[in-house]
Amino acid sequence: MSFEDLVVWKRACRLCVNVYLHLKECTDLGFKDQITRSALSIPSNIAEGYERNTNKDAIKFFYYAKGSAGELRTQIYIGMEIGCIHKQTGSSWLEEAQEISMMISGLIKARSA
C-alpha cells in the first residue's frame, strides 16, 4: 500500500484542488498564497509521513498535516468574512477539513499502537 491509496490523502488533494480553483481569480495575493499553502501542506505532509521509515517520523508529519488542517479552517473562516470565499463553499470546505483532520487523527492513532 502507498500513500496514494489512502482515502484521507485523496480527500485532502481534492480539497486542495478546490481551494486553488476557487481562488484562481482572487486579487488578494497575500491571502491567496497563505490559504493555498496551508491546503497544499495537508496532503503533502500525509504523503511525507507515510513514506517515512519510522512510526515516530510518520506521526510527526501527520501532526503537521493536522495542524495545517486547522490553519486552513481558520483561513476559510476569515475568507468568508472578507468576501473571498462564498459562505456555502466555505461551509463545505470547513466540514471537509474537519473530517480530514479526524481521519489524520486515526492515522496517528494507528501508527502509535
N, C-alpha and C. Protein backbone atom coordinates (compact mmCIF):
# COMPACT_ATOMS: atom_id res chain seq x y z
N MET A 1 0.85 -1.19 0.00
CA MET A 1 0.00 0.00 0.00
C MET A 1 0.88 1.24 0.00
N SER A 2 0.45 2.26 -0.72
CA SER A 2 1.18 3.52 -0.76
C SER A 2 0.27 4.65 -0.29
N PHE A 3 0.85 5.83 -0.10
CA PHE A 3 0.04 6.95 0.37
C PHE A 3 -1.06 7.29 -0.63
N GLU A 4 -0.83 7.00 -1.92
CA GLU A 4 -1.84 7.27 -2.94
C GLU A 4 -3.11 6.45 -2.75
N ASP A 5 -3.01 5.37 -1.98
CA ASP A 5 -4.17 4.53 -1.70
C ASP A 5 -5.00 5.03 -0.52
N LEU A 6 -4.47 5.97 0.24
CA LEU A 6 -5.16 6.46 1.43
C LEU A 6 -6.32 7.38 1.05
N VAL A 7 -7.49 7.08 1.57
CA VAL A 7 -8.67 7.91 1.32
C VAL A 7 -8.43 9.33 1.84
N VAL A 8 -7.80 9.45 2.99
CA VAL A 8 -7.56 10.77 3.57
C VAL A 8 -6.65 11.60 2.66
N TRP A 9 -5.66 10.99 2.06
CA TRP A 9 -4.77 11.71 1.14
C TRP A 9 -5.55 12.17 -0.09
N LYS A 10 -6.39 11.28 -0.63
CA LYS A 10 -7.19 11.62 -1.81
C LYS A 10 -8.13 12.78 -1.52
N ARG A 11 -8.77 12.73 -0.36
CA ARG A 11 -9.70 13.80 0.00
C ARG A 11 -8.97 15.11 0.23
N ALA A 12 -7.80 15.04 0.86
CA ALA A 12 -7.01 16.26 1.09
C ALA A 12 -6.54 16.86 -0.23
N CYS A 13 -6.16 16.02 -1.18
CA CYS A 13 -5.78 16.51 -2.51
C CYS A 13 -6.96 17.19 -3.19
N ARG A 14 -8.12 16.56 -3.12
CA ARG A 14 -9.32 17.12 -3.76
C ARG A 14 -9.68 18.47 -3.14
N LEU A 15 -9.59 18.58 -1.82
CA LEU A 15 -9.87 19.84 -1.15
C LEU A 15 -8.87 20.91 -1.60
N CYS A 16 -7.62 20.54 -1.67
CA CYS A 16 -6.58 21.48 -2.10
C CYS A 16 -6.86 21.99 -3.52
N VAL A 17 -7.20 21.10 -4.42
CA VAL A 17 -7.52 21.49 -5.80
C VAL A 17 -8.71 22.44 -5.82
N ASN A 18 -9.74 22.14 -5.03
CA ASN A 18 -10.91 23.01 -4.96
C ASN A 18 -10.54 24.41 -4.48
N VAL A 19 -9.68 24.49 -3.47
CA VAL A 19 -9.24 25.79 -2.95
C VAL A 19 -8.50 26.56 -4.05
N TYR A 20 -7.56 25.89 -4.70
CA TYR A 20 -6.81 26.53 -5.78
C TYR A 20 -7.73 27.05 -6.88
N LEU A 21 -8.64 26.21 -7.34
CA LEU A 21 -9.52 26.59 -8.45
C LEU A 21 -10.46 27.73 -8.06
N HIS A 22 -11.00 27.66 -6.86
CA HIS A 22 -11.94 28.69 -6.41
C HIS A 22 -11.24 30.05 -6.28
N LEU A 23 -10.01 30.04 -5.86
CA LEU A 23 -9.29 31.30 -5.60
C LEU A 23 -8.40 31.73 -6.76
N LYS A 24 -8.56 31.09 -7.91
CA LYS A 24 -7.72 31.39 -9.08
C LYS A 24 -7.77 32.88 -9.44
N GLU A 25 -8.93 33.48 -9.31
CA GLU A 25 -9.11 34.89 -9.69
C GLU A 25 -8.99 35.85 -8.51
N CYS A 26 -8.67 35.34 -7.33
CA CYS A 26 -8.57 36.18 -6.13
C CYS A 26 -7.44 37.19 -6.30
N THR A 27 -7.74 38.45 -6.04
CA THR A 27 -6.74 39.51 -6.20
C THR A 27 -5.95 39.79 -4.93
N ASP A 28 -6.40 39.26 -3.81
CA ASP A 28 -5.65 39.42 -2.54
C ASP A 28 -4.57 38.35 -2.52
N LEU A 29 -3.42 38.68 -3.07
CA LEU A 29 -2.36 37.70 -3.26
C LEU A 29 -1.80 37.16 -1.95
N GLY A 30 -1.75 37.98 -0.91
CA GLY A 30 -1.26 37.51 0.39
C GLY A 30 -2.17 36.44 0.96
N PHE A 31 -3.46 36.70 0.94
CA PHE A 31 -4.43 35.73 1.44
C PHE A 31 -4.41 34.47 0.59
N LYS A 32 -4.44 34.66 -0.72
CA LYS A 32 -4.44 33.54 -1.66
C LYS A 32 -3.23 32.65 -1.45
N ASP A 33 -2.06 33.25 -1.30
CA ASP A 33 -0.83 32.48 -1.09
C ASP A 33 -0.90 31.69 0.22
N GLN A 34 -1.35 32.32 1.28
CA GLN A 34 -1.38 31.67 2.59
C GLN A 34 -2.36 30.50 2.63
N ILE A 35 -3.56 30.70 2.10
CA ILE A 35 -4.56 29.64 2.17
C ILE A 35 -4.21 28.48 1.25
N THR A 36 -3.64 28.78 0.08
CA THR A 36 -3.27 27.67 -0.81
C THR A 36 -2.09 26.89 -0.24
N ARG A 37 -1.19 27.57 0.44
CA ARG A 37 -0.06 26.86 1.08
C ARG A 37 -0.55 25.93 2.18
N SER A 38 -1.49 26.39 2.99
CA SER A 38 -1.98 25.52 4.07
C SER A 38 -2.76 24.34 3.48
N ALA A 39 -3.53 24.58 2.43
CA ALA A 39 -4.27 23.48 1.79
C ALA A 39 -3.31 22.47 1.17
N LEU A 40 -2.26 22.95 0.53
CA LEU A 40 -1.27 22.08 -0.10
C LEU A 40 -0.47 21.29 0.93
N SER A 41 -0.29 21.87 2.09
CA SER A 41 0.50 21.24 3.15
C SER A 41 -0.15 19.97 3.70
N ILE A 42 -1.46 19.91 3.67
CA ILE A 42 -2.15 18.75 4.26
C ILE A 42 -1.81 17.45 3.52
N PRO A 43 -2.11 17.32 2.23
CA PRO A 43 -1.77 16.06 1.56
C PRO A 43 -0.26 15.84 1.44
N SER A 44 0.49 16.93 1.34
CA SER A 44 1.94 16.80 1.22
C SER A 44 2.54 16.17 2.48
N ASN A 45 2.08 16.62 3.64
CA ASN A 45 2.61 16.06 4.89
C ASN A 45 2.09 14.65 5.16
N ILE A 46 0.88 14.35 4.72
CA ILE A 46 0.39 12.97 4.82
C ILE A 46 1.30 12.06 4.01
N ALA A 47 1.60 12.47 2.78
CA ALA A 47 2.46 11.67 1.90
C ALA A 47 3.86 11.52 2.50
N GLU A 48 4.42 12.62 2.97
CA GLU A 48 5.77 12.56 3.54
C GLU A 48 5.81 11.67 4.77
N GLY A 49 4.82 11.80 5.62
CA GLY A 49 4.77 10.96 6.81
C GLY A 49 4.65 9.49 6.47
N TYR A 50 3.80 9.20 5.50
CA TYR A 50 3.59 7.80 5.11
C TYR A 50 4.86 7.18 4.55
N GLU A 51 5.68 7.99 3.91
CA GLU A 51 6.91 7.50 3.30
C GLU A 51 8.07 7.38 4.29
N ARG A 52 7.89 7.86 5.50
CA ARG A 52 8.96 7.78 6.50
C ARG A 52 9.12 6.35 6.99
N ASN A 53 10.34 6.04 7.43
CA ASN A 53 10.67 4.67 7.82
C ASN A 53 10.30 4.32 9.25
N THR A 54 10.07 5.31 10.09
CA THR A 54 9.73 5.00 11.47
C THR A 54 8.36 5.59 11.82
N ASN A 55 7.71 4.96 12.75
CA ASN A 55 6.42 5.48 13.20
C ASN A 55 6.57 6.86 13.82
N LYS A 56 7.66 7.09 14.53
CA LYS A 56 7.90 8.39 15.17
C LYS A 56 7.96 9.49 14.11
N ASP A 57 8.70 9.25 13.03
CA ASP A 57 8.78 10.24 11.96
C ASP A 57 7.43 10.41 11.27
N ALA A 58 6.75 9.31 11.00
CA ALA A 58 5.44 9.38 10.34
C ALA A 58 4.47 10.22 11.16
N ILE A 59 4.42 9.94 12.45
CA ILE A 59 3.49 10.65 13.34
C ILE A 59 3.78 12.15 13.34
N LYS A 60 5.06 12.51 13.33
CA LYS A 60 5.43 13.93 13.33
C LYS A 60 4.82 14.63 12.10
N PHE A 61 4.92 14.01 10.93
CA PHE A 61 4.37 14.63 9.73
C PHE A 61 2.86 14.59 9.69
N PHE A 62 2.27 13.55 10.27
CA PHE A 62 0.81 13.52 10.35
C PHE A 62 0.31 14.66 11.25
N TYR A 63 1.04 14.96 12.32
CA TYR A 63 0.67 16.10 13.17
C TYR A 63 0.83 17.41 12.40
N TYR A 64 1.85 17.53 11.57
CA TYR A 64 1.98 18.73 10.73
C TYR A 64 0.75 18.88 9.83
N ALA A 65 0.32 17.77 9.23
CA ALA A 65 -0.85 17.79 8.35
C ALA A 65 -2.09 18.21 9.14
N LYS A 66 -2.23 17.69 10.34
CA LYS A 66 -3.37 18.03 11.18
C LYS A 66 -3.35 19.51 11.54
N GLY A 67 -2.16 20.02 11.84
CA GLY A 67 -2.02 21.45 12.14
C GLY A 67 -2.38 22.31 10.94
N SER A 68 -1.99 21.87 9.77
CA SER A 68 -2.32 22.61 8.55
C SER A 68 -3.82 22.59 8.28
N ALA A 69 -4.49 21.52 8.66
CA ALA A 69 -5.95 21.46 8.51
C ALA A 69 -6.61 22.51 9.41
N GLY A 70 -6.08 22.69 10.60
CA GLY A 70 -6.59 23.73 11.50
C GLY A 70 -6.30 25.12 10.95
N GLU A 71 -5.11 25.29 10.40
CA GLU A 71 -4.76 26.57 9.78
C GLU A 71 -5.69 26.87 8.61
N LEU A 72 -5.95 25.86 7.80
CA LEU A 72 -6.85 26.05 6.66
C LEU A 72 -8.25 26.43 7.12
N ARG A 73 -8.75 25.78 8.14
CA ARG A 73 -10.09 26.12 8.65
C ARG A 73 -10.14 27.58 9.09
N THR A 74 -9.11 28.02 9.78
CA THR A 74 -9.05 29.42 10.22
C THR A 74 -9.11 30.36 9.03
N GLN A 75 -8.34 30.06 8.01
CA GLN A 75 -8.29 30.92 6.83
C GLN A 75 -9.60 30.88 6.05
N ILE A 76 -10.28 29.76 6.07
CA ILE A 76 -11.60 29.68 5.43
C ILE A 76 -12.58 30.61 6.13
N TYR A 77 -12.59 30.57 7.47
CA TYR A 77 -13.47 31.48 8.22
C TYR A 77 -13.18 32.94 7.86
N ILE A 78 -11.91 33.29 7.82
CA ILE A 78 -11.53 34.66 7.50
C ILE A 78 -11.91 34.99 6.06
N GLY A 79 -11.65 34.06 5.14
CA GLY A 79 -12.00 34.27 3.74
C GLY A 79 -13.48 34.51 3.53
N MET A 80 -14.31 33.82 4.29
CA MET A 80 -15.76 34.04 4.18
C MET A 80 -16.12 35.43 4.70
N GLU A 81 -15.49 35.84 5.76
CA GLU A 81 -15.80 37.15 6.35
C GLU A 81 -15.35 38.31 5.46
N ILE A 82 -14.25 38.15 4.75
CA ILE A 82 -13.75 39.24 3.91
C ILE A 82 -14.27 39.16 2.48
N GLY A 83 -15.08 38.15 2.20
CA GLY A 83 -15.73 38.05 0.89
C GLY A 83 -14.92 37.36 -0.19
N CYS A 84 -13.85 36.69 0.17
CA CYS A 84 -13.05 35.94 -0.83
C CYS A 84 -13.61 34.55 -1.08
N ILE A 85 -14.38 34.05 -0.12
CA ILE A 85 -14.93 32.69 -0.23
C ILE A 85 -16.43 32.78 0.03
N HIS A 86 -17.22 32.25 -0.88
CA HIS A 86 -18.66 32.23 -0.70
C HIS A 86 -19.01 31.39 0.54
N LYS A 87 -20.04 31.80 1.25
CA LYS A 87 -20.43 31.13 2.50
C LYS A 87 -20.71 29.64 2.29
N GLN A 88 -21.45 29.30 1.26
CA GLN A 88 -21.79 27.90 1.02
C GLN A 88 -20.53 27.07 0.71
N THR A 89 -19.65 27.61 -0.10
CA THR A 89 -18.40 26.93 -0.42
C THR A 89 -17.55 26.78 0.83
N GLY A 90 -17.43 27.85 1.58
CA GLY A 90 -16.63 27.83 2.80
C GLY A 90 -17.15 26.82 3.81
N SER A 91 -18.45 26.76 3.97
CA SER A 91 -19.05 25.81 4.90
C SER A 91 -18.73 24.38 4.49
N SER A 92 -18.80 24.11 3.20
CA SER A 92 -18.47 22.78 2.69
C SER A 92 -17.00 22.45 2.94
N TRP A 93 -16.12 23.41 2.69
CA TRP A 93 -14.69 23.20 2.93
C TRP A 93 -14.39 23.00 4.40
N LEU A 94 -15.07 23.75 5.26
CA LEU A 94 -14.86 23.60 6.71
C LEU A 94 -15.21 22.19 7.17
N GLU A 95 -16.33 21.69 6.68
CA GLU A 95 -16.76 20.34 7.04
C GLU A 95 -15.75 19.30 6.55
N GLU A 96 -15.29 19.47 5.31
CA GLU A 96 -14.33 18.53 4.76
C GLU A 96 -12.99 18.59 5.50
N ALA A 97 -12.52 19.79 5.81
CA ALA A 97 -11.26 19.94 6.54
C ALA A 97 -11.36 19.31 7.92
N GLN A 98 -12.50 19.43 8.57
CA GLN A 98 -12.70 18.83 9.90
C GLN A 98 -12.68 17.30 9.79
N GLU A 99 -13.35 16.76 8.78
CA GLU A 99 -13.35 15.31 8.60
C GLU A 99 -11.96 14.79 8.28
N ILE A 100 -11.22 15.52 7.45
CA ILE A 100 -9.85 15.14 7.14
C ILE A 100 -9.00 15.16 8.39
N SER A 101 -9.17 16.15 9.22
CA SER A 101 -8.44 16.23 10.48
C SER A 101 -8.71 15.02 11.37
N MET A 102 -9.97 14.61 11.43
CA MET A 102 -10.31 13.43 12.22
C MET A 102 -9.69 12.17 11.62
N MET A 103 -9.64 12.09 10.31
CA MET A 103 -9.02 10.94 9.65
C MET A 103 -7.52 10.91 9.92
N ILE A 104 -6.89 12.07 9.95
CA ILE A 104 -5.47 12.14 10.28
C ILE A 104 -5.24 11.67 11.71
N SER A 105 -6.15 12.03 12.60
CA SER A 105 -6.05 11.52 13.99
C SER A 105 -6.06 10.01 14.00
N GLY A 106 -6.85 9.41 13.12
CA GLY A 106 -6.88 7.95 13.01
C GLY A 106 -5.55 7.40 12.53
N LEU A 107 -4.89 8.08 11.59
CA LEU A 107 -3.55 7.66 11.14
C LEU A 107 -2.57 7.72 12.30
N ILE A 108 -2.63 8.79 13.06
CA ILE A 108 -1.74 8.96 14.21
C ILE A 108 -1.96 7.85 15.23
N LYS A 109 -3.21 7.58 15.50
CA LYS A 109 -3.54 6.51 16.46
C LYS A 109 -3.03 5.15 15.97
N ALA A 110 -3.22 4.88 14.69
CA ALA A 110 -2.78 3.59 14.12
C ALA A 110 -1.27 3.45 14.19
N ARG A 111 -0.54 4.52 13.94
CA ARG A 111 0.93 4.46 13.97
C ARG A 111 1.47 4.48 15.39
N SER A 112 0.62 4.92 16.34
CA SER A 112 1.06 4.98 17.74
C SER A 112 0.90 3.64 18.45
N ALA A 113 0.11 2.75 17.87
CA ALA A 113 -0.19 1.47 18.52
C ALA A 113 0.98 0.52 18.50
